[in-house]
Amino acid sequence: MRDMLKFARRVIVLVVGVTVVLTGVVMLVTPGPGWGAIFAGLAILATEYAWARRWLRAIRATAEKGADKLGLRPFFEEFSKRHRWFRVLVDAAVRVAGRVRSLFRRGK
């Protein structure tokens, strides 16, 4: 029974994650937050698949290098200080995602 639930969870994560990524790809050529949807889809996939975690780490490292090279890191740090609501929103999203993940992990 547990193996079947684990398999079902992996299938659901795969279907939802791929759907969000493909929606993001469509939004690259139509109005919408294409890159945001692609990264969100990868984050969904990363909850279950190691390859998606590796991709997200590589994307983050590249983005941080680019921000450093362009001198944008101080801008983002200042933005998060001035716009505390943004930081609170991100923290809340991370906590909710962690809670949802822990609910699924209990079934193992």
N, C-alpha and C. Protein backbone atom coordinates (compact mmCIF):
# COMPACT_ATOMS: atom_id res chain seq x y z
N MET A 1 0.82 -1.19 0.00
CA MET A 1 0.00 0.00 0.00
C MET A 1 0.87 1.27 0.00
N ARG A 2 1.91 1.26 0.84
CA ARG A 2 2.79 2.43 0.89
C ARG A 2 3.50 2.66 -0.44
N ASP A 3 3.93 1.57 -1.06
CA ASP A 3 4.60 1.71 -2.36
C ASP A 3 3.66 2.31 -3.40
N MET A 4 2.41 1.92 -3.34
CA MET A 4 1.45 2.44 -4.29
C MET A 4 1.21 3.94 -4.04
N LEU A 5 1.13 4.36 -2.76
CA LEU A 5 0.96 5.77 -2.44
C LEU A 5 2.18 6.58 -2.86
N LYS A 6 3.37 6.02 -2.65
CA LYS A 6 4.60 6.70 -3.05
C LYS A 6 4.63 6.87 -4.57
N PHE A 7 4.25 5.82 -5.28
CA PHE A 7 4.22 5.89 -6.73
C PHE A 7 3.19 6.92 -7.20
N ALA A 8 2.01 6.92 -6.58
CA ALA A 8 0.96 7.88 -6.95
C ALA A 8 1.44 9.31 -6.70
N ARG A 9 2.14 9.53 -5.59
CA ARG A 9 2.65 10.86 -5.29
C ARG A 9 3.66 11.31 -6.35
N ARG A 10 4.55 10.39 -6.73
CA ARG A 10 5.54 10.73 -7.75
C ARG A 10 4.88 11.06 -9.08
N VAL A 11 3.85 10.33 -9.43
CA VAL A 11 3.14 10.58 -10.69
C VAL A 11 2.44 11.94 -10.63
N ILE A 12 1.80 12.24 -9.50
CA ILE A 12 1.11 13.53 -9.36
C ILE A 12 2.11 14.67 -9.44
N VAL A 13 3.23 14.55 -8.73
CA VAL A 13 4.26 15.60 -8.77
C VAL A 13 4.78 15.75 -10.20
N LEU A 14 5.01 14.66 -10.88
CA LEU A 14 5.50 14.71 -12.26
C LEU A 14 4.49 15.42 -13.17
N VAL A 15 3.23 15.03 -13.10
CA VAL A 15 2.21 15.61 -13.97
C VAL A 15 2.04 17.10 -13.69
N VAL A 16 1.92 17.47 -12.41
CA VAL A 16 1.73 18.89 -12.07
C VAL A 16 2.97 19.70 -12.44
N GLY A 17 4.15 19.20 -12.10
CA GLY A 17 5.39 19.93 -12.39
C GLY A 17 5.61 20.13 -13.87
N VAL A 18 5.42 19.09 -14.66
CA VAL A 18 5.60 19.20 -16.12
C VAL A 18 4.55 20.13 -16.72
N THR A 19 3.33 20.06 -16.21
CA THR A 19 2.28 20.96 -16.70
C THR A 19 2.64 22.42 -16.44
N VAL A 20 3.15 22.72 -15.25
CA VAL A 20 3.52 24.10 -14.93
C VAL A 20 4.71 24.54 -15.80
N VAL A 21 5.69 23.65 -15.99
CA VAL A 21 6.84 24.00 -16.84
C VAL A 21 6.38 24.26 -18.27
N LEU A 22 5.55 23.39 -18.81
CA LEU A 22 5.08 23.58 -20.18
C LEU A 22 4.22 24.83 -20.32
N THR A 23 3.44 25.14 -19.30
CA THR A 23 2.67 26.39 -19.30
C THR A 23 3.62 27.58 -19.33
N GLY A 24 4.71 27.48 -18.59
CA GLY A 24 5.72 28.54 -18.60
C GLY A 24 6.36 28.70 -19.96
N VAL A 25 6.63 27.59 -20.63
CA VAL A 25 7.21 27.66 -21.97
C VAL A 25 6.26 28.36 -22.93
N VAL A 26 4.97 28.05 -22.82
CA VAL A 26 3.98 28.73 -23.66
C VAL A 26 3.96 30.22 -23.35
N MET A 27 4.08 30.55 -22.05
CA MET A 27 4.04 31.97 -21.66
C MET A 27 5.30 32.74 -22.07
N LEU A 28 6.33 32.05 -22.52
CA LEU A 28 7.50 32.76 -23.03
C LEU A 28 7.16 33.50 -24.33
N VAL A 29 6.22 32.95 -25.10
CA VAL A 29 5.85 33.59 -26.36
C VAL A 29 4.49 34.27 -26.30
N THR A 30 3.77 34.10 -25.21
CA THR A 30 2.50 34.78 -24.99
C THR A 30 2.62 35.60 -23.72
N PRO A 31 1.69 36.50 -23.49
CA PRO A 31 1.78 37.29 -22.26
C PRO A 31 1.68 36.42 -21.01
N GLY A 32 2.55 36.68 -20.07
CA GLY A 32 2.53 35.94 -18.82
C GLY A 32 3.93 35.76 -18.26
N PRO A 33 4.01 35.36 -17.02
CA PRO A 33 5.31 35.19 -16.36
C PRO A 33 5.94 33.83 -16.70
N GLY A 34 6.44 33.71 -17.90
CA GLY A 34 6.97 32.43 -18.38
C GLY A 34 8.08 31.86 -17.53
N TRP A 35 9.12 32.67 -17.28
CA TRP A 35 10.25 32.16 -16.50
C TRP A 35 9.83 31.82 -15.08
N GLY A 36 8.95 32.62 -14.52
CA GLY A 36 8.47 32.33 -13.16
C GLY A 36 7.76 31.00 -13.10
N ALA A 37 6.94 30.72 -14.10
CA ALA A 37 6.22 29.44 -14.14
C ALA A 37 7.19 28.27 -14.36
N ILE A 38 8.20 28.47 -15.18
CA ILE A 38 9.18 27.41 -15.41
C ILE A 38 9.93 27.10 -14.12
N PHE A 39 10.36 28.15 -13.40
CA PHE A 39 11.07 27.93 -12.14
C PHE A 39 10.15 27.31 -11.09
N ALA A 40 8.88 27.73 -11.07
CA ALA A 40 7.92 27.13 -10.13
C ALA A 40 7.71 25.65 -10.45
N GLY A 41 7.61 25.32 -11.73
CA GLY A 41 7.46 23.92 -12.12
C GLY A 41 8.67 23.09 -11.73
N LEU A 42 9.86 23.66 -11.91
CA LEU A 42 11.07 22.95 -11.48
C LEU A 42 11.09 22.76 -9.96
N ALA A 43 10.61 23.76 -9.24
CA ALA A 43 10.56 23.64 -7.77
C ALA A 43 9.59 22.53 -7.36
N ILE A 44 8.48 22.42 -8.06
CA ILE A 44 7.54 21.33 -7.78
C ILE A 44 8.20 19.99 -8.06
N LEU A 45 8.86 19.88 -9.20
CA LEU A 45 9.54 18.63 -9.55
C LEU A 45 10.67 18.31 -8.58
N ALA A 46 11.32 19.35 -8.06
CA ALA A 46 12.45 19.15 -7.15
C ALA A 46 12.03 18.54 -5.82
N THR A 47 10.74 18.58 -5.50
CA THR A 47 10.30 17.95 -4.26
C THR A 47 10.42 16.44 -4.33
N GLU A 48 10.52 15.91 -5.54
CA GLU A 48 10.56 14.46 -5.69
C GLU A 48 11.73 13.94 -6.52
N TYR A 49 12.30 14.78 -7.38
CA TYR A 49 13.33 14.31 -8.31
C TYR A 49 14.65 15.05 -8.11
N ALA A 50 15.73 14.29 -8.00
CA ALA A 50 17.06 14.86 -7.75
C ALA A 50 17.54 15.69 -8.95
N TRP A 51 17.22 15.28 -10.16
CA TRP A 51 17.68 16.03 -11.33
C TRP A 51 17.10 17.45 -11.34
N ALA A 52 15.87 17.60 -10.88
CA ALA A 52 15.28 18.94 -10.84
C ALA A 52 15.95 19.79 -9.75
N ARG A 53 16.33 19.16 -8.62
CA ARG A 53 17.07 19.90 -7.58
C ARG A 53 18.41 20.37 -8.11
N ARG A 54 19.09 19.52 -8.88
CA ARG A 54 20.38 19.93 -9.46
C ARG A 54 20.20 21.10 -10.43
N TRP A 55 19.16 21.05 -11.26
CA TRP A 55 18.91 22.14 -12.19
C TRP A 55 18.63 23.44 -11.44
N LEU A 56 17.82 23.37 -10.39
CA LEU A 56 17.52 24.57 -9.62
C LEU A 56 18.77 25.15 -8.97
N ARG A 57 19.63 24.28 -8.43
CA ARG A 57 20.88 24.76 -7.83
C ARG A 57 21.75 25.45 -8.88
N ALA A 58 21.84 24.85 -10.06
CA ALA A 58 22.65 25.45 -11.13
C ALA A 58 22.07 26.78 -11.58
N ILE A 59 20.76 26.87 -11.70
CA ILE A 59 20.12 28.12 -12.10
C ILE A 59 20.35 29.19 -11.04
N ARG A 60 20.21 28.81 -9.78
CA ARG A 60 20.42 29.78 -8.70
C ARG A 60 21.86 30.28 -8.68
N ALA A 61 22.81 29.37 -8.83
CA ALA A 61 24.22 29.77 -8.84
C ALA A 61 24.51 30.71 -9.99
N THR A 62 23.96 30.41 -11.16
CA THR A 62 24.16 31.27 -12.32
C THR A 62 23.52 32.65 -12.09
N ALA A 63 22.34 32.67 -11.51
CA ALA A 63 21.66 33.94 -11.24
C ALA A 63 22.44 34.77 -10.22
N GLU A 64 22.99 34.11 -9.20
CA GLU A 64 23.76 34.84 -8.20
C GLU A 64 25.05 35.40 -8.81
N LYS A 65 25.71 34.63 -9.68
CA LYS A 65 26.91 35.13 -10.34
C LYS A 65 26.57 36.32 -11.23
N GLY A 66 25.47 36.21 -11.95
CA GLY A 66 25.04 37.32 -12.81
C GLY A 66 24.69 38.56 -12.00
N ALA A 67 24.02 38.37 -10.87
CA ALA A 67 23.68 39.52 -10.01
C ALA A 67 24.94 40.17 -9.46
N ASP A 68 25.92 39.35 -9.09
CA ASP A 68 27.19 39.91 -8.59
C ASP A 68 27.92 40.66 -9.71
N LYS A 69 27.94 40.06 -10.89
CA LYS A 69 28.65 40.67 -12.01
C LYS A 69 28.03 42.01 -12.41
N LEU A 70 26.71 42.08 -12.35
CA LEU A 70 26.01 43.31 -12.72
C LEU A 70 25.87 44.28 -11.54
N GLY A 71 26.32 43.84 -10.38
CA GLY A 71 26.22 44.69 -9.20
C GLY A 71 24.80 44.83 -8.68
N LEU A 72 23.98 43.81 -8.88
CA LEU A 72 22.58 43.88 -8.47
C LEU A 72 22.31 43.31 -7.09
N ARG A 73 23.27 42.61 -6.52
CA ARG A 73 23.02 42.01 -5.21
C ARG A 73 22.66 43.07 -4.16
N PRO A 74 23.39 44.20 -4.11
CA PRO A 74 22.97 45.23 -3.13
C PRO A 74 21.55 45.74 -3.39
N PHE A 75 21.15 45.80 -4.66
CA PHE A 75 19.80 46.23 -4.99
C PHE A 75 18.77 45.27 -4.39
N PHE A 76 18.99 43.97 -4.56
CA PHE A 76 18.05 43.00 -4.04
C PHE A 76 18.04 42.97 -2.52
N GLU A 77 19.20 43.16 -1.91
CA GLU A 77 19.25 43.21 -0.45
C GLU A 77 18.49 44.44 0.06
N GLU A 78 18.67 45.58 -0.61
CA GLU A 78 17.96 46.80 -0.22
C GLU A 78 16.46 46.64 -0.47
N PHE A 79 16.11 46.01 -1.57
CA PHE A 79 14.69 45.78 -1.89
C PHE A 79 14.04 44.96 -0.79
N SER A 80 14.71 43.90 -0.32
CA SER A 80 14.10 43.06 0.71
C SER A 80 14.02 43.78 2.05
N LYS A 81 14.93 44.73 2.30
CA LYS A 81 14.84 45.52 3.53
C LYS A 81 13.69 46.51 3.46
N ARG A 82 13.56 47.20 2.33
CA ARG A 82 12.52 48.22 2.20
C ARG A 82 11.13 47.63 2.04
N HIS A 83 11.04 46.53 1.36
CA HIS A 83 9.75 45.91 1.08
C HIS A 83 9.62 44.63 1.90
N ARG A 84 9.45 44.83 3.17
CA ARG A 84 9.37 43.71 4.10
C ARG A 84 8.24 42.75 3.73
N TRP A 85 7.17 43.27 3.16
CA TRP A 85 6.04 42.45 2.77
C TRP A 85 6.47 41.36 1.80
N PHE A 86 7.43 41.70 0.91
CA PHE A 86 7.91 40.72 -0.06
C PHE A 86 8.61 39.57 0.65
N ARG A 87 9.45 39.91 1.63
CA ARG A 87 10.17 38.90 2.40
C ARG A 87 9.19 38.04 3.19
N VAL A 88 8.18 38.68 3.78
CA VAL A 88 7.17 37.94 4.54
C VAL A 88 6.41 37.00 3.62
N LEU A 89 6.07 37.47 2.43
CA LEU A 89 5.36 36.64 1.46
C LEU A 89 6.20 35.43 1.04
N VAL A 90 7.48 35.66 0.76
CA VAL A 90 8.36 34.56 0.36
C VAL A 90 8.52 33.57 1.52
N ASP A 91 8.72 34.08 2.73
CA ASP A 91 8.85 33.20 3.89
C ASP A 91 7.59 32.37 4.10
N ALA A 92 6.43 33.01 3.95
CA ALA A 92 5.17 32.29 4.11
C ALA A 92 5.03 31.19 3.05
N ALA A 93 5.40 31.50 1.82
CA ALA A 93 5.31 30.50 0.75
C ALA A 93 6.22 29.32 1.03
N VAL A 94 7.42 29.60 1.53
CA VAL A 94 8.36 28.52 1.85
C VAL A 94 7.82 27.66 2.99
N ARG A 95 7.25 28.30 3.99
CA ARG A 95 6.69 27.54 5.12
C ARG A 95 5.51 26.67 4.69
N VAL A 96 4.64 27.23 3.86
CA VAL A 96 3.49 26.46 3.37
C VAL A 96 3.98 25.27 2.54
N ALA A 97 4.95 25.51 1.67
CA ALA A 97 5.49 24.41 0.85
C ALA A 97 6.12 23.35 1.73
N GLY A 98 6.84 23.75 2.77
CA GLY A 98 7.43 22.79 3.69
C GLY A 98 6.38 22.00 4.43
N ARG A 99 5.30 22.65 4.83
CA ARG A 99 4.21 21.97 5.54
C ARG A 99 3.53 20.96 4.63
N VAL A 100 3.26 21.37 3.40
CA VAL A 100 2.63 20.45 2.45
C VAL A 100 3.54 19.25 2.21
N ARG A 101 4.82 19.51 2.05
CA ARG A 101 5.77 18.42 1.84
C ARG A 101 5.80 17.47 3.03
N SER A 102 5.76 18.03 4.25
CA SER A 102 5.80 17.16 5.43
C SER A 102 4.54 16.32 5.54
N LEU A 103 3.40 16.85 5.07
CA LEU A 103 2.17 16.06 5.08
C LEU A 103 2.30 14.85 4.16
N PHE A 104 2.94 15.05 3.00
CA PHE A 104 3.14 13.93 2.09
C PHE A 104 4.18 12.96 2.62
N ARG A 105 5.17 13.44 3.34
CA ARG A 105 6.23 12.59 3.86
C ARG A 105 5.74 11.66 4.95
N ARG A 106 4.69 12.05 5.67
CA ARG A 106 4.17 11.21 6.75
C ARG A 106 3.68 9.87 6.25
N GLY A 107 3.27 9.82 5.00
CA GLY A 107 2.75 8.58 4.44
C GLY A 107 3.81 7.54 4.14
N LYS A 108 5.08 7.92 4.23
CA LYS A 108 6.15 6.97 3.89
C LYS A 108 6.38 5.96 4.97
